[in-house]
């Protein structure tokens, strides 16, 4: 019998972080197509769509790094955005 991966329910903080990450990536992508960004990052467009919509709240570090690289945003900018508390996100500008 194979082992099944059991996903623990996400905490509200993880859900919120996922939503902030998605918003940041959508904003950074701008007019570029999801398909071209996903292909350049070496991930599927479906994965990018789920991350941008906040449905994958805890994507792999390598996935975030690849997307950030393609979009020309620093991981520092990503961490400062997703690490900030709710309510602060709107007051900060992301330098790209």
N, C-alpha and C. Protein backbone atom coordinates (compact mmCIF):
# COMPACT_ATOMS: atom_id res chain seq x y z
N UNK A 1 0.83 -1.18 0.00
CA UNK A 1 0.00 0.00 0.00
C UNK A 1 0.88 1.26 0.00
N UNK A 2 0.59 2.21 -0.88
CA UNK A 2 1.40 3.43 -0.99
C UNK A 2 1.11 4.38 0.16
N UNK A 3 2.04 5.28 0.38
CA UNK A 3 1.81 6.28 1.43
C UNK A 3 1.07 7.46 0.83
N UNK A 4 0.14 7.97 1.58
CA UNK A 4 -0.62 9.14 1.12
C UNK A 4 -0.10 10.38 1.81
N UNK A 5 0.00 11.45 1.03
CA UNK A 5 0.38 12.73 1.62
C UNK A 5 -0.87 13.32 2.25
N UNK A 6 -0.76 13.65 3.50
CA UNK A 6 -1.89 14.29 4.16
C UNK A 6 -1.54 15.75 4.35
N UNK A 7 -2.36 16.62 3.79
CA UNK A 7 -2.13 18.06 3.94
C UNK A 7 -2.86 18.54 5.17
N UNK A 8 -2.11 19.21 6.03
CA UNK A 8 -2.75 19.81 7.20
C UNK A 8 -3.53 21.04 6.72
N UNK A 9 -4.64 21.31 7.39
CA UNK A 9 -5.39 22.52 7.01
C UNK A 9 -4.49 23.75 7.21
N UNK A 10 -4.64 24.70 6.33
CA UNK A 10 -3.83 25.92 6.43
C UNK A 10 -4.35 26.79 7.56
N UNK A 11 -3.43 27.46 8.21
CA UNK A 11 -3.84 28.43 9.23
C UNK A 11 -4.32 29.69 8.51
N UNK A 12 -5.10 30.51 9.20
CA UNK A 12 -5.53 31.78 8.58
C UNK A 12 -4.33 32.61 8.13
N UNK A 13 -3.24 32.57 8.89
CA UNK A 13 -2.05 33.35 8.52
C UNK A 13 -1.45 32.83 7.22
N UNK A 14 -1.43 31.50 7.05
CA UNK A 14 -0.90 30.93 5.81
C UNK A 14 -1.78 31.29 4.62
N UNK A 15 -3.08 31.24 4.83
CA UNK A 15 -4.02 31.61 3.76
C UNK A 15 -3.80 33.06 3.35
N UNK A 16 -3.67 33.92 4.34
CA UNK A 16 -3.47 35.35 4.07
C UNK A 16 -2.14 35.59 3.36
N UNK A 17 -1.10 34.87 3.79
CA UNK A 17 0.21 35.00 3.16
C UNK A 17 0.12 34.56 1.69
N UNK A 18 -0.60 33.48 1.45
CA UNK A 18 -0.78 33.00 0.08
C UNK A 18 -1.50 34.01 -0.79
N UNK A 19 -2.49 34.68 -0.20
CA UNK A 19 -3.22 35.70 -0.95
C UNK A 19 -2.33 36.90 -1.26
N UNK A 20 -1.50 37.29 -0.28
CA UNK A 20 -0.59 38.42 -0.52
C UNK A 20 0.44 38.06 -1.58
N UNK A 21 0.97 36.84 -1.51
CA UNK A 21 1.94 36.39 -2.51
C UNK A 21 1.30 36.42 -3.90
N UNK A 22 0.09 35.90 -4.01
CA UNK A 22 -0.61 35.89 -5.29
C UNK A 22 -0.81 37.27 -5.85
N UNK A 23 -1.21 38.20 -4.97
CA UNK A 23 -1.44 39.59 -5.42
C UNK A 23 -0.15 40.23 -5.88
N UNK A 24 0.93 39.98 -5.15
CA UNK A 24 2.24 40.53 -5.53
C UNK A 24 2.66 40.01 -6.90
N UNK A 25 2.52 38.71 -7.12
CA UNK A 25 2.95 38.12 -8.40
C UNK A 25 2.07 38.60 -9.55
N UNK A 26 0.77 38.72 -9.30
CA UNK A 26 -0.14 39.23 -10.35
C UNK A 26 0.25 40.64 -10.74
N UNK A 27 0.53 41.46 -9.72
CA UNK A 27 0.91 42.86 -9.96
C UNK A 27 2.22 42.91 -10.74
N UNK A 28 3.18 42.10 -10.36
CA UNK A 28 4.49 42.10 -11.02
C UNK A 28 4.39 41.58 -12.45
N UNK A 29 3.48 40.66 -12.69
CA UNK A 29 3.33 40.08 -14.04
C UNK A 29 2.76 41.11 -15.01
N UNK A 30 1.93 42.01 -14.50
CA UNK A 30 1.40 43.08 -15.34
C UNK A 30 0.66 42.55 -16.56
N UNK A 31 1.11 43.00 -17.73
CA UNK A 31 0.45 42.62 -18.98
C UNK A 31 0.97 41.31 -19.57
N UNK A 32 2.00 40.77 -18.97
CA UNK A 32 2.55 39.52 -19.53
C UNK A 32 1.56 38.38 -19.36
N UNK A 33 1.55 37.48 -20.30
CA UNK A 33 0.61 36.36 -20.20
C UNK A 33 1.08 35.37 -19.15
N UNK A 34 0.10 34.75 -18.51
CA UNK A 34 0.38 33.73 -17.51
C UNK A 34 1.18 32.59 -18.15
N UNK A 35 0.83 32.26 -19.38
CA UNK A 35 1.51 31.16 -20.08
C UNK A 35 2.99 31.45 -20.25
N UNK A 36 3.34 32.63 -20.74
CA UNK A 36 4.75 32.92 -21.00
C UNK A 36 5.55 32.96 -19.69
N UNK A 37 4.98 33.55 -18.64
CA UNK A 37 5.67 33.62 -17.36
C UNK A 37 5.88 32.22 -16.80
N UNK A 38 4.82 31.40 -16.86
CA UNK A 38 4.92 30.03 -16.33
C UNK A 38 5.98 29.23 -17.08
N UNK A 39 5.96 29.32 -18.40
CA UNK A 39 6.93 28.56 -19.20
C UNK A 39 8.35 29.04 -18.92
N UNK A 40 8.54 30.36 -18.82
CA UNK A 40 9.87 30.89 -18.51
C UNK A 40 10.35 30.44 -17.13
N UNK A 41 9.41 30.28 -16.20
CA UNK A 41 9.75 29.87 -14.83
C UNK A 41 9.88 28.36 -14.70
N UNK A 42 9.49 27.63 -15.76
CA UNK A 42 9.59 26.18 -15.73
C UNK A 42 8.49 25.51 -14.90
N UNK A 43 7.35 26.18 -14.81
CA UNK A 43 6.21 25.59 -14.10
C UNK A 43 5.01 25.57 -15.03
N UNK A 44 3.96 24.87 -14.63
CA UNK A 44 2.78 24.82 -15.48
C UNK A 44 1.94 26.09 -15.27
N UNK A 45 1.24 26.53 -16.33
CA UNK A 45 0.35 27.69 -16.18
C UNK A 45 -0.68 27.47 -15.07
N UNK A 46 -1.12 26.22 -14.90
CA UNK A 46 -2.09 25.89 -13.86
C UNK A 46 -1.51 26.17 -12.47
N UNK A 47 -0.24 25.81 -12.29
CA UNK A 47 0.42 26.07 -11.00
C UNK A 47 0.49 27.57 -10.74
N UNK A 48 0.90 28.34 -11.76
CA UNK A 48 0.99 29.79 -11.60
C UNK A 48 -0.39 30.37 -11.28
N UNK A 49 -1.41 29.88 -11.97
CA UNK A 49 -2.77 30.38 -11.74
C UNK A 49 -3.20 30.13 -10.29
N UNK A 50 -2.89 28.93 -9.79
CA UNK A 50 -3.27 28.59 -8.41
C UNK A 50 -2.51 29.45 -7.40
N UNK A 51 -1.23 29.71 -7.67
CA UNK A 51 -0.44 30.54 -6.75
C UNK A 51 -0.97 31.97 -6.78
N UNK A 52 -1.22 32.49 -7.98
CA UNK A 52 -1.71 33.87 -8.09
C UNK A 52 -3.08 34.05 -7.45
N UNK A 53 -3.89 33.00 -7.48
CA UNK A 53 -5.24 33.11 -6.90
C UNK A 53 -5.22 32.82 -5.41
N UNK A 54 -4.03 32.46 -4.87
CA UNK A 54 -3.93 32.18 -3.45
C UNK A 54 -4.37 30.77 -3.08
N UNK A 55 -4.67 29.93 -4.08
CA UNK A 55 -5.12 28.57 -3.78
C UNK A 55 -3.98 27.66 -3.35
N UNK A 56 -2.74 28.01 -3.75
CA UNK A 56 -1.58 27.27 -3.24
C UNK A 56 -0.89 28.25 -2.30
N UNK A 57 -1.23 28.15 -1.02
CA UNK A 57 -0.77 29.16 -0.07
C UNK A 57 0.69 28.97 0.31
N UNK A 58 1.19 27.75 0.14
CA UNK A 58 2.58 27.48 0.55
C UNK A 58 3.34 26.80 -0.58
N UNK A 59 3.58 27.53 -1.69
CA UNK A 59 4.32 26.93 -2.80
C UNK A 59 5.78 26.66 -2.40
N UNK A 60 6.42 25.77 -3.12
CA UNK A 60 7.81 25.44 -2.86
C UNK A 60 8.69 26.68 -3.05
N UNK A 61 9.73 26.78 -2.24
CA UNK A 61 10.65 27.92 -2.34
C UNK A 61 11.19 28.04 -3.77
N UNK A 62 11.59 26.91 -4.36
CA UNK A 62 12.18 26.95 -5.70
C UNK A 62 11.18 27.50 -6.72
N UNK A 63 9.90 27.22 -6.51
CA UNK A 63 8.86 27.73 -7.41
C UNK A 63 8.75 29.25 -7.28
N UNK A 64 8.71 29.73 -6.04
CA UNK A 64 8.63 31.18 -5.82
C UNK A 64 9.87 31.86 -6.41
N UNK A 65 11.04 31.27 -6.16
CA UNK A 65 12.29 31.86 -6.66
C UNK A 65 12.28 31.95 -8.17
N UNK A 66 11.80 30.90 -8.84
CA UNK A 66 11.78 30.88 -10.31
C UNK A 66 10.83 31.94 -10.85
N UNK A 67 9.65 32.06 -10.25
CA UNK A 67 8.68 33.06 -10.72
C UNK A 67 9.22 34.47 -10.47
N UNK A 68 9.77 34.69 -9.28
CA UNK A 68 10.32 36.01 -8.95
C UNK A 68 11.42 36.40 -9.93
N UNK A 69 12.26 35.44 -10.27
CA UNK A 69 13.36 35.69 -11.20
C UNK A 69 12.82 36.11 -12.57
N UNK A 70 11.83 35.38 -13.06
CA UNK A 70 11.24 35.70 -14.37
C UNK A 70 10.59 37.08 -14.35
N UNK A 71 9.96 37.42 -13.23
CA UNK A 71 9.26 38.70 -13.14
C UNK A 71 10.18 39.85 -12.76
N UNK A 72 11.44 39.53 -12.43
CA UNK A 72 12.39 40.57 -12.09
C UNK A 72 12.16 41.20 -10.73
N UNK A 73 11.57 40.42 -9.81
CA UNK A 73 11.42 40.93 -8.45
C UNK A 73 12.36 40.17 -7.53
N UNK A 74 12.88 40.86 -6.55
CA UNK A 74 13.83 40.21 -5.64
C UNK A 74 13.09 39.37 -4.62
N UNK A 75 13.74 38.33 -4.15
CA UNK A 75 13.13 37.53 -3.10
C UNK A 75 12.96 38.36 -1.83
N UNK A 76 13.82 39.34 -1.62
CA UNK A 76 13.64 40.24 -0.47
C UNK A 76 12.29 40.95 -0.55
N UNK A 77 11.94 41.40 -1.74
CA UNK A 77 10.65 42.08 -1.91
C UNK A 77 9.50 41.11 -1.63
N UNK A 78 9.66 39.88 -2.11
CA UNK A 78 8.63 38.86 -1.88
C UNK A 78 8.49 38.61 -0.38
N UNK A 79 9.61 38.37 0.30
CA UNK A 79 9.54 38.05 1.74
C UNK A 79 8.99 39.21 2.54
N UNK A 80 9.38 40.44 2.18
CA UNK A 80 8.89 41.58 2.96
C UNK A 80 7.38 41.72 2.78
N UNK A 81 6.89 41.37 1.59
CA UNK A 81 5.45 41.46 1.35
C UNK A 81 4.69 40.35 2.07
N UNK A 82 5.13 39.13 1.92
CA UNK A 82 4.35 38.03 2.50
C UNK A 82 4.62 37.88 3.99
N UNK A 83 5.70 38.51 4.46
CA UNK A 83 6.00 38.44 5.88
C UNK A 83 5.34 39.54 6.68
N UNK A 84 4.81 40.55 5.98
CA UNK A 84 4.22 41.68 6.69
C UNK A 84 2.87 41.27 7.26
N UNK A 85 2.47 41.95 8.30
CA UNK A 85 1.17 41.67 8.90
C UNK A 85 0.07 42.28 8.05
N UNK A 86 -1.12 41.75 8.22
CA UNK A 86 -2.29 42.27 7.50
C UNK A 86 -2.47 43.73 7.84
N UNK A 87 -2.91 44.48 6.86
CA UNK A 87 -3.15 45.90 7.11
C UNK A 87 -1.95 46.74 6.71
N UNK A 88 -0.76 46.17 6.77
CA UNK A 88 0.42 46.92 6.35
C UNK A 88 0.61 46.81 4.85
N UNK A 89 0.10 45.75 4.27
CA UNK A 89 0.39 45.44 2.86
C UNK A 89 0.04 46.61 1.95
N UNK A 90 -1.07 47.28 2.22
CA UNK A 90 -1.49 48.35 1.35
C UNK A 90 -0.65 49.61 1.46
N UNK A 91 0.11 49.73 2.54
CA UNK A 91 0.88 50.95 2.73
C UNK A 91 2.29 50.86 2.18
N UNK A 92 2.67 49.69 1.72
CA UNK A 92 4.02 49.50 1.23
C UNK A 92 4.05 49.43 -0.29
N UNK A 93 5.10 49.95 -0.86
CA UNK A 93 5.28 49.80 -2.31
C UNK A 93 6.33 48.76 -2.53
N UNK A 94 6.14 47.94 -3.55
CA UNK A 94 7.10 46.90 -3.87
C UNK A 94 8.02 47.46 -4.95
N UNK A 95 9.30 47.49 -4.66
CA UNK A 95 10.26 47.93 -5.67
C UNK A 95 10.58 46.77 -6.59
N UNK A 96 10.44 47.01 -7.88
CA UNK A 96 10.74 45.90 -8.81
C UNK A 96 11.95 46.21 -9.64
